[in-house]
């Protein structure tokens, strides 16, 4: 069941990333940013599941990513920074009033998010 859940989360990560690209191409920047964050979140959940690490919140996911993978050098600070940036920006986009993302900000995160998901999949497959 664990492997099935991990595969499911990775599949969701890829699908959600594709949704983010689709929304970006159509100019729906806030929704695209939200989907970028969730694509990285789903990938991170898969990684934590793979290592039998349980969390109860988004902040907990971010914390465990740092403690278990960045501090130990399994994920570089540069790669993990993508998740941290998306975490913060998604919060602004979802909860701040009168806030809209600029195209350049979302565009700059498209490739790093895909690379983040790729790295997570690489670690899981090791």
C-alpha atoms as a PDB file:
ATOM      1  CA  UNK A   1       0.000   0.000   0.000  1.00  0.00           C
ATOM      2  CA  UNK A   2       2.873   2.383   0.807  1.00  0.00           C
ATOM      3  CA  UNK A   3       4.397   2.055  -2.675  1.00  0.00           C
ATOM      4  CA  UNK A   4       0.982   2.609  -4.219  1.00  0.00           C
ATOM      5  CA  UNK A   5       0.523   5.817  -2.207  1.00  0.00           C
ATOM      6  CA  UNK A   6       3.977   7.041  -3.204  1.00  0.00           C
ATOM      7  CA  UNK A   7       3.261   6.386  -6.892  1.00  0.00           C
ATOM      8  CA  UNK A   8      -0.087   8.139  -6.543  1.00  0.00           C
ATOM      9  CA  UNK A   9       1.508  11.242  -4.982  1.00  0.00           C
ATOM     10  CA  UNK A  10       4.186  11.397  -7.672  1.00  0.00           C
ATOM     11  CA  UNK A  11       1.516  11.059 -10.359  1.00  0.00           C
ATOM     12  CA  UNK A  12      -0.446  13.884  -8.721  1.00  0.00           C
ATOM     13  CA  UNK A  13       2.730  15.975  -8.607  1.00  0.00           C
ATOM     14  CA  UNK A  14       3.281  15.561 -12.357  1.00  0.00           C
ATOM     15  CA  UNK A  15      -0.367  16.168 -13.251  1.00  0.00           C
ATOM     16  CA  UNK A  16      -0.561  19.224 -11.031  1.00  0.00           C
ATOM     17  CA  UNK A  17       2.639  20.585 -12.554  1.00  0.00           C
ATOM     18  CA  UNK A  18       1.114  20.187 -16.022  1.00  0.00           C
ATOM     19  CA  UNK A  19      -1.981  22.031 -14.765  1.00  0.00           C
ATOM     20  CA  UNK A  20       0.289  24.853 -13.571  1.00  0.00           C
ATOM     21  CA  UNK A  21       1.886  25.157 -17.011  1.00  0.00           C
ATOM     22  CA  UNK A  22      -1.536  25.101 -18.689  1.00  0.00           C
ATOM     23  CA  UNK A  23      -2.831  27.849 -16.389  1.00  0.00           C
ATOM     24  CA  UNK A  24       0.325  29.926 -16.868  1.00  0.00           C
ATOM     25  CA  UNK A  25      -0.018  29.737 -20.649  1.00  0.00           C
ATOM     26  CA  UNK A  26      -3.557  31.057 -20.336  1.00  0.00           C
ATOM     27  CA  UNK A  27      -2.586  33.925 -18.038  1.00  0.00           C
ATOM     28  CA  UNK A  28      -4.144  32.562 -14.853  1.00  0.00           C
ATOM     29  CA  UNK A  29      -1.102  33.418 -12.768  1.00  0.00           C
ATOM     30  CA  UNK A  30      -2.463  33.056  -9.232  1.00  0.00           C
ATOM     31  CA  UNK A  31      -3.909  29.653 -10.021  1.00  0.00           C
ATOM     32  CA  UNK A  32      -0.693  28.630 -11.768  1.00  0.00           C
ATOM     33  CA  UNK A  33       1.353  29.548  -8.692  1.00  0.00           C
ATOM     34  CA  UNK A  34      -1.020  27.593  -6.484  1.00  0.00           C
ATOM     35  CA  UNK A  35      -0.626  24.536  -8.713  1.00  0.00           C
ATOM     36  CA  UNK A  36       3.169  24.906  -8.774  1.00  0.00           C
ATOM     37  CA  UNK A  37       3.219  24.826  -5.002  1.00  0.00           C
ATOM     38  CA  UNK A  38       0.915  21.826  -4.791  1.00  0.00           C
ATOM     39  CA  UNK A  39       2.910  19.914  -7.383  1.00  0.00           C
ATOM     40  CA  UNK A  40       6.018  20.305  -5.223  1.00  0.00           C
ATOM     41  CA  UNK A  41       4.005  19.563  -2.077  1.00  0.00           C
ATOM     42  CA  UNK A  42       2.709  16.263  -3.495  1.00  0.00           C
ATOM     43  CA  UNK A  43       6.234  15.261  -4.512  1.00  0.00           C
ATOM     44  CA  UNK A  44       7.530  16.097  -1.044  1.00  0.00           C
ATOM     45  CA  UNK A  45       4.752  14.083   0.587  1.00  0.00           C
ATOM     46  CA  UNK A  46       5.790  11.129  -1.591  1.00  0.00           C
ATOM     47  CA  UNK A  47       9.378  11.515  -0.400  1.00  0.00           C
ATOM     48  CA  UNK A  48       8.341  11.656   3.237  1.00  0.00           C
ATOM     49  CA  UNK A  49       6.086   8.619   2.788  1.00  0.00           C
ATOM     50  CA  UNK A  50       8.997   6.768   1.222  1.00  0.00           C
ATOM     51  CA  UNK A  51      11.015   7.402   4.378  1.00  0.00           C
ATOM     52  CA  UNK A  52       8.112   6.676   6.772  1.00  0.00           C
ATOM     53  CA  UNK A  53       8.009  10.277   7.996  1.00  0.00           C
ATOM     54  CA  UNK A  54       4.578  11.481   9.092  1.00  0.00           C
ATOM     55  CA  UNK A  55       3.549  15.132   9.135  1.00  0.00           C
ATOM     56  CA  UNK A  56       0.296  16.895   9.915  1.00  0.00           C
ATOM     57  CA  UNK A  57       0.655  20.280   8.245  1.00  0.00           C
ATOM     58  CA  UNK A  58       2.202  22.105   5.324  1.00  0.00           C
ATOM     59  CA  UNK A  59       4.657  23.737   7.717  1.00  0.00           C
ATOM     60  CA  UNK A  60       5.525  20.284   9.022  1.00  0.00           C
ATOM     61  CA  UNK A  61       6.294  19.106   5.494  1.00  0.00           C
ATOM     62  CA  UNK A  62       8.626  22.062   5.004  1.00  0.00           C
ATOM     63  CA  UNK A  63      10.304  21.459   8.360  1.00  0.00           C
ATOM     64  CA  UNK A  64      10.864  17.740   7.788  1.00  0.00           C
ATOM     65  CA  UNK A  65      12.204  18.377   4.291  1.00  0.00           C
ATOM     66  CA  UNK A  66      14.845  20.612   5.848  1.00  0.00           C
ATOM     67  CA  UNK A  67      15.657  18.353   8.779  1.00  0.00           C
ATOM     68  CA  UNK A  68      15.739  15.035   6.968  1.00  0.00           C
ATOM     69  CA  UNK A  69      17.025  15.940   3.506  1.00  0.00           C
ATOM     70  CA  UNK A  70      18.679  19.362   3.372  1.00  0.00           C
ATOM     71  CA  UNK A  71      20.643  19.215   6.627  1.00  0.00           C
ATOM     72  CA  UNK A  72      21.836  15.708   5.721  1.00  0.00           C
ATOM     73  CA  UNK A  73      22.851  16.792   2.208  1.00  0.00           C
ATOM     74  CA  UNK A  74      20.456  14.437   0.417  1.00  0.00           C
ATOM     75  CA  UNK A  75      18.893  17.469  -1.273  1.00  0.00           C
ATOM     76  CA  UNK A  76      20.899  20.598  -2.003  1.00  0.00           C
ATOM     77  CA  UNK A  77      19.877  23.884  -0.457  1.00  0.00           C
ATOM     78  CA  UNK A  78      19.359  25.301  -3.950  1.00  0.00           C
ATOM     79  CA  UNK A  79      16.873  22.598  -4.929  1.00  0.00           C
ATOM     80  CA  UNK A  80      15.046  22.762  -1.586  1.00  0.00           C
ATOM     81  CA  UNK A  81      14.868  26.548  -1.852  1.00  0.00           C
ATOM     82  CA  UNK A  82      12.333  26.101  -4.652  1.00  0.00           C
ATOM     83  CA  UNK A  83       9.910  24.422  -2.255  1.00  0.00           C
ATOM     84  CA  UNK A  84      10.461  27.134   0.346  1.00  0.00           C
ATOM     85  CA  UNK A  85       9.822  29.925  -2.165  1.00  0.00           C
ATOM     86  CA  UNK A  86       6.679  28.224  -3.464  1.00  0.00           C
ATOM     87  CA  UNK A  87       5.498  27.641   0.113  1.00  0.00           C
ATOM     88  CA  UNK A  88       5.747  31.367   0.914  1.00  0.00           C
ATOM     89  CA  UNK A  89       4.339  32.619  -2.386  1.00  0.00           C
ATOM     90  CA  UNK A  90       1.387  30.240  -2.338  1.00  0.00           C
ATOM     91  CA  UNK A  91       0.477  31.582   1.079  1.00  0.00           C
ATOM     92  CA  UNK A  92       0.516  35.176  -0.198  1.00  0.00           C
ATOM     93  CA  UNK A  93      -1.466  34.268  -3.304  1.00  0.00           C
ATOM     94  CA  UNK A  94      -4.109  32.344  -1.396  1.00  0.00           C
ATOM     95  CA  UNK A  95      -4.568  34.575   1.630  1.00  0.00           C
ATOM     96  CA  UNK A  96      -3.444  38.151   0.935  1.00  0.00           C
ATOM     97  CA  UNK A  97      -6.059  40.611  -0.262  1.00  0.00           C
ATOM     98  CA  UNK A  98      -5.499  42.508  -3.498  1.00  0.00           C
ATOM     99  CA  UNK A  99      -2.530  40.370  -4.438  1.00  0.00           C
ATOM    100  CA  UNK A 100      -1.783  39.125  -7.926  1.00  0.00           C
ATOM    101  CA  UNK A 101       1.383  37.468  -9.194  1.00  0.00           C
ATOM    102  CA  UNK A 102       3.391  39.027 -11.969  1.00  0.00           C
ATOM    103  CA  UNK A 103       4.038  36.860 -14.996  1.00  0.00           C
ATOM    104  CA  UNK A 104       7.827  37.001 -14.564  1.00  0.00           C
ATOM    105  CA  UNK A 105       7.679  35.606 -11.017  1.00  0.00           C
ATOM    106  CA  UNK A 106       5.587  32.605 -12.016  1.00  0.00           C
ATOM    107  CA  UNK A 107       7.605  32.031 -15.178  1.00  0.00           C
ATOM    108  CA  UNK A 108      10.887  31.950 -13.224  1.00  0.00           C
ATOM    109  CA  UNK A 109       9.525  29.119 -11.070  1.00  0.00           C
ATOM    110  CA  UNK A 110       8.291  26.799 -13.821  1.00  0.00           C
ATOM    111  CA  UNK A 111      11.601  25.075 -14.575  1.00  0.00           C
ATOM    112  CA  UNK A 112      12.895  24.966 -10.966  1.00  0.00           C
ATOM    113  CA  UNK A 113       9.645  23.321  -9.879  1.00  0.00           C
ATOM    114  CA  UNK A 114       9.972  20.645 -12.546  1.00  0.00           C
ATOM    115  CA  UNK A 115      13.602  20.104 -11.501  1.00  0.00           C
ATOM    116  CA  UNK A 116      12.509  19.827  -7.856  1.00  0.00           C
ATOM    117  CA  UNK A 117       9.988  17.113  -8.730  1.00  0.00           C
ATOM    118  CA  UNK A 118      12.620  15.339 -10.849  1.00  0.00           C
ATOM    119  CA  UNK A 119      15.047  15.337  -7.908  1.00  0.00           C
ATOM    120  CA  UNK A 120      12.419  13.951  -5.532  1.00  0.00           C
ATOM    121  CA  UNK A 121      11.636  11.137  -7.989  1.00  0.00           C
ATOM    122  CA  UNK A 122      15.366  10.416  -8.328  1.00  0.00           C
ATOM    123  CA  UNK A 123      15.811  10.116  -4.571  1.00  0.00           C
ATOM    124  CA  UNK A 124      12.779   7.845  -4.224  1.00  0.00           C
ATOM    125  CA  UNK A 125      13.985   5.553  -7.010  1.00  0.00           C
ATOM    126  CA  UNK A 126      17.439   5.092  -5.427  1.00  0.00           C
END
